[in-house]
């Protein structure tokens, strides 16, 4: 459906007029960044699934030079799942 770093489209555009969002955190809540103005919003997963429309570009296919506010994969913090301080 959607993964970390993907650019997604929601059913309604952001107040700035853009309708491209980057998924920057996944968990019980989904954190997305508007690629029009850089605003970051945290949405509960259930609400996100209702408001989500489609994946525009998968993370591996994003042209970073064309997206002003896009975070590179190296800039996105990975979750610490195993608890010993090592990032996966």
Foldseek 3Di string as FASTA:
>chain_A
DADAQFWFFWPDCDPVPAGTWGFQDDDQWTWIAGLVPGDIDIGGPVVCVVGTDGTPGHRVGDDVVVGPNRDHPVRRAADDDVPPPDGD
